[in-house]
PDB file of N, CA and C in Angstrom:
ATOM      1  N   MET A   1       0.803  -1.096  -0.039  1.00  0.00           N
ATOM      2  CA  MET A   1      -0.052  -0.105  -0.010  1.00  0.00           C
ATOM      3  C   MET A   1       0.870   1.293   0.132  1.00  0.00           C
ATOM      4  N   THR A   2       0.348   2.312  -0.748  1.00  0.00           N
ATOM      5  CA  THR A   2       1.192   3.401  -0.706  1.00  0.00           C
ATOM      6  C   THR A   2       0.526   4.354   0.284  1.00  0.00           C
ATOM      7  N   ILE A   3       1.423   5.344   0.634  1.00  0.00           N
ATOM      8  CA  ILE A   3       1.047   6.328   1.641  1.00  0.00           C
ATOM      9  C   ILE A   3      -0.334   6.963   1.433  1.00  0.00           C
ATOM     10  N   ASP A   4      -0.557   7.312   0.017  1.00  0.00           N
ATOM     11  CA  ASP A   4      -1.608   8.115  -0.461  1.00  0.00           C
ATOM     12  C   ASP A   4      -2.925   7.159  -0.281  1.00  0.00           C
ATOM     13  N   SER A   5      -2.878   5.871  -0.598  1.00  0.00           N
ATOM     14  CA  SER A   5      -3.958   5.001  -0.508  1.00  0.00           C
ATOM     15  C   SER A   5      -4.332   4.975   0.860  1.00  0.00           C
ATOM     16  N   ILE A   6      -3.340   4.663   1.987  1.00  0.00           N
ATOM     17  CA  ILE A   6      -3.445   4.685   3.339  1.00  0.00           C
ATOM     18  C   ILE A   6      -4.179   5.989   3.715  1.00  0.00           C
ATOM     19  N   LEU A   7      -3.771   7.128   3.469  1.00  0.00           N
ATOM     20  CA  LEU A   7      -4.537   8.438   3.835  1.00  0.00           C
ATOM     21  C   LEU A   7      -5.938   8.478   3.274  1.00  0.00           C
ATOM     22  N   ALA A   8      -6.061   7.793   1.911  1.00  0.00           N
ATOM     23  CA  ALA A   8      -7.468   7.990   1.494  1.00  0.00           C
ATOM     24  C   ALA A   8      -8.491   7.146   2.355  1.00  0.00           C
ATOM     25  N   GLN A   9      -7.895   5.875   2.774  1.00  0.00           N
ATOM     26  CA  GLN A   9      -8.705   5.189   3.430  1.00  0.00           C
ATOM     27  C   GLN A   9      -9.175   5.792   4.883  1.00  0.00           C
ATOM     28  N   ILE A  10      -8.040   6.418   5.386  1.00  0.00           N
ATOM     29  CA  ILE A  10      -8.279   7.056   6.949  1.00  0.00           C
ATOM     30  C   ILE A  10      -9.283   8.155   6.644  1.00  0.00           C
ATOM     31  N   ASP A  11      -9.138   8.999   5.623  1.00  0.00           N
ATOM     32  CA  ASP A  11     -10.055  10.070   5.186  1.00  0.00           C
ATOM     33  C   ASP A  11     -11.599   9.427   5.063  1.00  0.00           C
ATOM     34  N   SER A  12     -11.760   8.388   4.228  1.00  0.00           N
ATOM     35  CA  SER A  12     -13.142   7.810   4.145  1.00  0.00           C
ATOM     36  C   SER A  12     -13.637   7.366   5.418  1.00  0.00           C
ATOM     37  N   GLU A  13     -12.554   6.636   6.194  1.00  0.00           N
ATOM     38  CA  GLU A  13     -13.273   6.168   7.651  1.00  0.00           C
ATOM     39  C   GLU A  13     -13.534   7.277   8.586  1.00  0.00           C
ATOM     40  N   ILE A  14     -12.829   8.476   8.492  1.00  0.00           N
ATOM     41  CA  ILE A  14     -13.320   9.663   9.359  1.00  0.00           C
ATOM     42  C   ILE A  14     -14.460  10.136   8.847  1.00  0.00           C
ATOM     43  N   ALA A  15     -14.778  10.063   7.423  1.00  0.00           N
ATOM     44  CA  ALA A  15     -16.021  10.606   6.989  1.00  0.00           C
ATOM     45  C   ALA A  15     -17.109   9.788   7.511  1.00  0.00           C
ATOM     46  N   ARG A  16     -16.937   8.573   7.447  1.00  0.00           N
ATOM     47  CA  ARG A  16     -18.203   7.520   7.829  1.00  0.00           C
ATOM     48  C   ARG A  16     -18.349   7.815   9.417  1.00  0.00           C
ATOM     49  N   LEU A  17     -17.219   7.817  10.117  1.00  0.00           N
ATOM     50  CA  LEU A  17     -17.611   7.707  11.472  1.00  0.00           C
ATOM     51  C   LEU A  17     -18.357   9.255  11.735  1.00  0.00           C
ATOM     52  N   THR A  18     -17.950  10.356  11.209  1.00  0.00           N
ATOM     53  CA  THR A  18     -18.752  11.555  11.413  1.00  0.00           C
ATOM     54  C   THR A  18     -20.074  11.424  11.172  1.00  0.00           C
ATOM     55  N   GLN A  19     -20.342  10.785  10.063  1.00  0.00           N
ATOM     56  CA  GLN A  19     -21.933  10.508   9.743  1.00  0.00           C
ATOM     57  C   GLN A  19     -22.529   9.642  10.832  1.00  0.00           C
ATOM     58  N   VAL A  20     -21.998   8.680  11.370  1.00  0.00           N
ATOM     59  CA  VAL A  20     -22.422   7.884  12.085  1.00  0.00           C
ATOM     60  C   VAL A  20     -22.708   8.672  13.482  1.00  0.00           C
ATOM     61  N   ARG A  21     -21.675   9.472  13.924  1.00  0.00           N
ATOM     62  CA  ARG A  21     -21.637  10.242  14.922  1.00  0.00           C
ATOM     63  C   ARG A  21     -22.691  11.320  15.112  1.00  0.00           C
ATOM     64  N   ALA A  22     -23.077  11.941  13.674  1.00  0.00           N
ATOM     65  CA  ALA A  22     -24.131  12.887  13.666  1.00  0.00           C
ATOM     66  C   ALA A  22     -25.652  12.212  13.701  1.00  0.00           C
ATOM     67  N   LEU A  23     -25.716  11.101  13.203  1.00  0.00           N
ATOM     68  CA  LEU A  23     -27.026  10.180  13.190  1.00  0.00           C
ATOM     69  C   LEU A  23     -27.306   9.701  14.713  1.00  0.00           C
ATOM     70  N   LEU A  24     -26.196   9.326  15.377  1.00  0.00           N
ATOM     71  CA  LEU A  24     -26.443   9.081  16.906  1.00  0.00           C
ATOM     72  C   LEU A  24     -26.777  10.295  17.724  1.00  0.00           C
ATOM     73  N   SER A  25     -26.175  11.517  17.448  1.00  0.00           N
ATOM     74  CA  SER A  25     -26.255  12.478  18.316  1.00  0.00           C
ATOM     75  C   SER A  25     -27.719  13.296  18.225  1.00  0.00           C
ATOM     76  N   GLY A  26     -28.399  12.775  17.136  1.00  0.00           N
ATOM     77  CA  GLY A  26     -29.656  13.266  16.792  1.00  0.00           C
ATOM     78  C   GLY A  26     -29.946  14.383  15.864  1.00  0.00           C
ATOM     79  N   SER A  27     -29.043  14.814  15.246  1.00  0.00           N
ATOM     80  CA  SER A  27     -29.021  15.925  14.343  1.00  0.00           C
ATOM     81  C   SER A  27     -29.949  15.570  12.980  1.00  0.00           C
ATOM     82  N   GLY A  28     -30.008  14.087  12.798  1.00  0.00           N
ATOM     83  CA  GLY A  28     -30.681  13.592  11.834  1.00  0.00           C
ATOM     84  C   GLY A  28     -30.282  13.784  10.357  1.00  0.00           C
ATOM     85  N   LYS A  29     -29.431  14.545  10.034  1.00  0.00           N
ATOM     86  CA  LYS A  29     -28.457  14.538   8.708  1.00  0.00           C
ATOM     87  C   LYS A  29     -27.075  14.332   9.125  1.00  0.00           C
ATOM     88  N   PRO A  30     -26.562  13.524   8.145  1.00  0.00           N
ATOM     89  CA  PRO A  30     -24.868  13.499   8.158  1.00  0.00           C
ATOM     90  C   PRO A  30     -24.123  14.611   7.857  1.00  0.00           C
ATOM     91  N   ALA A  31     -22.999  14.778   8.585  1.00  0.00           N
ATOM     92  CA  ALA A  31     -22.239  15.912   8.228  1.00  0.00           C
ATOM     93  C   ALA A  31     -21.607  15.721   6.977  1.00  0.00           C
ATOM     94  N   THR A  32     -21.181  16.727   6.188  1.00  0.00           N
ATOM     95  CA  THR A  32     -20.300  16.759   5.116  1.00  0.00           C
ATOM     96  C   THR A  32     -18.878  16.550   5.292  1.00  0.00           C
ATOM     97  N   LYS A  33     -18.041  16.171   4.256  1.00  0.00           N
ATOM     98  CA  LYS A  33     -16.663  16.094   4.533  1.00  0.00           C
ATOM     99  C   LYS A  33     -16.158  17.449   4.784  1.00  0.00           C
ATOM    100  N   THR A  34     -16.802  18.552   4.251  1.00  0.00           N
ATOM    101  CA  THR A  34     -15.978  19.829   4.483  1.00  0.00           C
ATOM    102  C   THR A  34     -16.362  20.261   5.833  1.00  0.00           C
ATOM    103  N   ALA A  35     -17.589  20.032   6.341  1.00  0.00           N
ATOM    104  CA  ALA A  35     -18.015  20.442   7.516  1.00  0.00           C
ATOM    105  C   ALA A  35     -17.078  19.741   8.758  1.00  0.00           C
ATOM    106  N   THR A  36     -16.396  18.621   8.466  1.00  0.00           N
ATOM    107  CA  THR A  36     -15.825  18.000   9.603  1.00  0.00           C
ATOM    108  C   THR A  36     -14.400  18.638   9.667  1.00  0.00           C
ATOM    109  N   LYS A  37     -13.957  19.457   8.637  1.00  0.00           N
ATOM    110  CA  LYS A  37     -12.719  20.072   8.811  1.00  0.00           C
ATOM    111  C   LYS A  37     -12.920  21.494   9.575  1.00  0.00           C
ATOM    112  N   THR A  38     -14.022  22.002   9.545  1.00  0.00           N
ATOM    113  CA  THR A  38     -14.164  23.350  10.050  1.00  0.00           C
ATOM    114  C   THR A  38     -15.001  23.154  11.481  1.00  0.00           C
ATOM    115  N   VAL A  39     -15.079  22.052  12.052  1.00  0.00           N
ATOM    116  CA  VAL A  39     -15.814  21.941  13.216  1.00  0.00           C
ATOM    117  C   VAL A  39     -14.986  22.346  14.590  1.00  0.00           C
ATOM    118  N   THR A  40     -15.376  23.166  15.365  1.00  0.00           N
ATOM    119  CA  THR A  40     -14.693  23.594  16.563  1.00  0.00           C
ATOM    120  C   THR A  40     -15.373  23.268  17.648  1.00  0.00           C
ATOM    121  N   VAL A  41     -14.579  22.914  18.733  1.00  0.00           N
ATOM    122  CA  VAL A  41     -15.177  22.598  19.930  1.00  0.00           C
ATOM    123  C   VAL A  41     -15.487  23.768  20.854  1.00  0.00           C
ATOM    124  N   ALA A  42     -16.783  24.034  21.292  1.00  0.00           N
ATOM    125  CA  ALA A  42     -17.079  25.231  22.109  1.00  0.00           C
ATOM    126  C   ALA A  42     -16.547  24.861  23.562  1.00  0.00           C
ATOM    127  N   PRO A  43     -15.966  25.721  24.350  1.00  0.00           N
ATOM    128  CA  PRO A  43     -15.718  25.709  25.836  1.00  0.00           C
ATOM    129  C   PRO A  43     -16.830  25.501  26.518  1.00  0.00           C
ATOM    130  N   LYS A  44     -16.617  24.531  27.686  1.00  0.00           N
ATOM    131  CA  LYS A  44     -17.849  24.286  28.471  1.00  0.00           C
ATOM    132  C   LYS A  44     -18.278  25.411  29.271  1.00  0.00           C
ATOM    133  N   ALA A  45     -19.622  25.496  29.316  1.00  0.00           N
ATOM    134  CA  ALA A  45     -20.070  26.731  30.289  1.00  0.00           C
ATOM    135  C   ALA A  45     -20.112  26.289  31.722  1.00  0.00           C
ATOM    136  N   GLY A  46     -19.797  27.109  32.560  1.00  0.00           N
ATOM    137  CA  GLY A  46     -19.742  27.137  34.055  1.00  0.00           C
ATOM    138  C   GLY A  46     -18.702  25.876  34.333  1.00  0.00           C
ATOM    139  N   ARG A  47     -17.438  26.129  34.288  1.00  0.00           N
ATOM    140  CA  ARG A  47     -16.452  25.254  34.692  1.00  0.00           C
ATOM    141  C   ARG A  47     -16.500  25.196  36.223  1.00  0.00           C
ATOM    142  N   ARG A  48     -16.424  23.713  36.694  1.00  0.00           N
ATOM    143  CA  ARG A  48     -16.219  23.261  37.996  1.00  0.00           C
ATOM    144  C   ARG A  48     -15.122  24.037  38.796  1.00  0.00           C
ATOM    145  N   LYS A  49     -15.126  24.163  39.909  1.00  0.00           N
ATOM    146  CA  LYS A  49     -14.087  24.593  40.675  1.00  0.00           C
ATOM    147  C   LYS A  49     -13.097  23.663  40.771  1.00  0.00           C
ATOM    148  N   LYS A  50     -11.901  23.716  40.859  1.00  0.00           N
ATOM    149  CA  LYS A  50     -10.960  22.624  40.902  1.00  0.00           C
ATOM    150  C   LYS A  50     -10.729  21.938  42.297  1.00  0.00           C
ATOM    151  N   ARG A  51     -10.778  20.689  42.401  1.00  0.00           N
ATOM    152  CA  ARG A  51     -10.822  20.128  43.868  1.00  0.00           C
ATOM    153  C   ARG A  51      -9.444  20.124  44.297  1.00  0.00           C
ATOM    154  N   VAL A  52      -9.518  20.251  45.485  1.00  0.00           N
ATOM    155  CA  VAL A  52      -8.169  20.168  46.191  1.00  0.00           C
ATOM    156  C   VAL A  52      -7.902  19.078  47.315  1.00  0.00           C
ATOM    157  N   LEU A  53      -7.046  18.294  47.209  1.00  0.00           N
ATOM    158  CA  LEU A  53      -6.954  17.202  48.191  1.00  0.00           C
ATOM    159  C   LEU A  53      -5.983  17.763  49.255  1.00  0.00           C
ATOM    160  N   SER A  54      -6.211  17.282  50.494  1.00  0.00           N
ATOM    161  CA  SER A  54      -5.077  17.544  51.449  1.00  0.00           C
ATOM    162  C   SER A  54      -3.960  16.667  51.402  1.00  0.00           C
ATOM    163  N   ALA A  55      -3.046  17.134  52.120  1.00  0.00           N
ATOM    164  CA  ALA A  55      -1.692  16.447  52.239  1.00  0.00           C
ATOM    165  C   ALA A  55      -1.892  15.003  52.606  1.00  0.00           C
ATOM    166  N   GLU A  56      -2.766  14.899  53.583  1.00  0.00           N
ATOM    167  CA  GLU A  56      -2.958  13.675  54.131  1.00  0.00           C
ATOM    168  C   GLU A  56      -3.845  12.669  53.217  1.00  0.00           C
ATOM    169  N   ALA A  57      -4.683  13.143  52.516  1.00  0.00           N
ATOM    170  CA  ALA A  57      -5.436  12.385  51.543  1.00  0.00           C
ATOM    171  C   ALA A  57      -4.528  11.978  50.384  1.00  0.00           C
ATOM    172  N   ARG A  58      -3.575  12.871  49.938  1.00  0.00           N
ATOM    173  CA  ARG A  58      -2.657  12.459  48.968  1.00  0.00           C
ATOM    174  C   ARG A  58      -1.790  11.261  49.240  1.00  0.00           C
ATOM    175  N   LYS A  59      -1.483  11.469  50.384  1.00  0.00           N
ATOM    176  CA  LYS A  59      -0.495  10.330  51.056  1.00  0.00           C
ATOM    177  C   LYS A  59      -1.082   9.193  51.226  1.00  0.00           C
ATOM    178  N   ARG A  60      -2.331   8.996  51.743  1.00  0.00           N
ATOM    179  CA  ARG A  60      -3.157   7.826  51.674  1.00  0.00           C
ATOM    180  C   ARG A  60      -3.291   7.165  50.112  1.00  0.00           C
ATOM    181  N   ILE A  61      -3.530   8.127  49.291  1.00  0.00           N
ATOM    182  CA  ILE A  61      -3.761   7.569  48.023  1.00  0.00           C
ATOM    183  C   ILE A  61      -2.291   6.879  47.387  1.00  0.00           C
ATOM    184  N   ALA A  62      -1.499   7.668  47.692  1.00  0.00           N
ATOM    185  CA  ALA A  62       0.047   7.226  47.269  1.00  0.00           C
ATOM    186  C   ALA A  62       0.376   5.877  47.791  1.00  0.00           C
ATOM    187  N   GLU A  63       0.203   5.745  49.177  1.00  0.00           N
ATOM    188  CA  GLU A  63       0.381   4.609  49.803  1.00  0.00           C
ATOM    189  C   GLU A  63      -0.374   3.454  49.194  1.00  0.00           C
ATOM    190  N   ALA A  64      -1.607   3.604  49.037  1.00  0.00           N
ATOM    191  CA  ALA A  64      -2.515   2.619  48.369  1.00  0.00           C
ATOM    192  C   ALA A  64      -2.152   2.198  46.948  1.00  0.00           C
ATOM    193  N   GLN A  65      -1.673   3.266  46.141  1.00  0.00           N
ATOM    194  CA  GLN A  65      -1.165   2.997  44.778  1.00  0.00           C
ATOM    195  C   GLN A  65       0.117   2.046  44.937  1.00  0.00           C
ATOM    196  N   ARG A  66       1.051   2.449  45.913  1.00  0.00           N
ATOM    197  CA  ARG A  66       2.364   1.711  45.902  1.00  0.00           C
ATOM    198  C   ARG A  66       1.983   0.329  46.289  1.00  0.00           C
ATOM    199  N   LYS A  67       1.020  -0.013  47.260  1.00  0.00           N
ATOM    200  CA  LYS A  67       0.520  -1.259  47.687  1.00  0.00           C
ATOM    201  C   LYS A  67       0.078  -2.105  46.427  1.00  0.00           C
ATOM    202  N   ARG A  68      -0.768  -1.559  45.424  1.00  0.00           N
ATOM    203  CA  ARG A  68      -1.222  -2.007  44.291  1.00  0.00           C
ATOM    204  C   ARG A  68      -0.027  -2.570  43.330  1.00  0.00           C
ATOM    205  N   TRP A  69       0.916  -1.624  43.165  1.00  0.00           N
ATOM    206  CA  TRP A  69       2.131  -1.724  42.232  1.00  0.00           C
ATOM    207  C   TRP A  69       2.869  -2.869  42.816  1.00  0.00           C
ATOM    208  N   ALA A  70       3.225  -3.143  44.306  1.00  0.00           N
ATOM    209  CA  ALA A  70       3.909  -4.093  44.775  1.00  0.00           C
ATOM    210  C   ALA A  70       3.129  -5.535  44.590  1.00  0.00           C
ATOM    211  N   ALA A  71       1.899  -5.399  44.854  1.00  0.00           N
ATOM    212  CA  ALA A  71       1.004  -6.748  44.672  1.00  0.00           C
ATOM    213  C   ALA A  71       1.250  -7.141  43.165  1.00  0.00           C
ATOM    214  N   GLN A  72       1.054  -6.226  42.187  1.00  0.00           N
ATOM    215  CA  GLN A  72       1.369  -6.709  40.894  1.00  0.00           C
ATOM    216  C   GLN A  72       2.540  -7.096  40.553  1.00  0.00           C
ATOM    217  N   LYS A  73       3.561  -6.545  40.971  1.00  0.00           N
ATOM    218  CA  LYS A  73       5.178  -6.846  40.615  1.00  0.00           C
ATOM    219  C   LYS A  73       5.334  -8.320  41.465  1.00  0.00           C
ATOM    220  N   ALA A  74       4.699  -8.611  42.631  1.00  0.00           N
ATOM    221  CA  ALA A  74       4.987  -9.903  43.042  1.00  0.00           C
ATOM    222  C   ALA A  74       4.233 -10.836  42.471  1.00  0.00           C
ATOM    223  N   LYS A  75       2.841 -10.445  41.868  1.00  0.00           N
ATOM    224  CA  LYS A  75       2.230 -11.549  41.145  1.00  0.00           C
ATOM    225  C   LYS A  75       2.998 -11.638  39.830  1.00  0.00           C
ATOM    226  N   THR A  76       3.548 -10.790  39.137  1.00  0.00           N
ATOM    227  CA  THR A  76       4.302 -11.021  37.897  1.00  0.00           C
ATOM    228  C   THR A  76       5.708 -11.745  37.998  1.00  0.00           C
ATOM    229  N   ALA A  77       6.263 -11.464  39.103  1.00  0.00           N
ATOM    230  CA  ALA A  77       7.618 -12.030  39.670  1.00  0.00           C
ATOM    231  C   ALA A  77       7.114 -13.714  39.923  1.00  0.00           C
ATOM    232  N   LYS A  78       6.189 -13.965  40.606  1.00  0.00           N
ATOM    233  CA  LYS A  78       5.652 -15.305  40.915  1.00  0.00           C
ATOM    234  C   LYS A  78       5.283 -16.005  39.788  1.00  0.00           C
ATOM    235  N   ALA A  79       4.810 -15.527  38.657  1.00  0.00           N
ATOM    236  CA  ALA A  79       4.195 -16.197  37.369  1.00  0.00           C
ATOM    237  C   ALA A  79       5.651 -16.512  36.591  1.00  0.00           C
ATOM    238  N   LYS A  80       6.729 -15.665  36.879  1.00  0.00           N
ATOM    239  CA  LYS A  80       7.823 -16.155  35.920  1.00  0.00           C
ATOM    240  C   LYS A  80       8.550 -17.242  36.687  1.00  0.00           C
TER     241      LYS A  80
END
């Protein structure tokens, strides 16, 4: 396969997926190929305030993750 044929297949797949998405989202009509290139994503209205974890909470989460990693590492070493 040449690069041009691969790119053509990718473009056709993108167009097909865009049509499927348009149908599933309820717009009723499939988007055209030119419309997919000019689509912009609008910023979300009313962003949520960023959540802040306490140092204690971060420490608990980190310790729990280290336990999970250690368990996975032990399981992998045991399998070998």
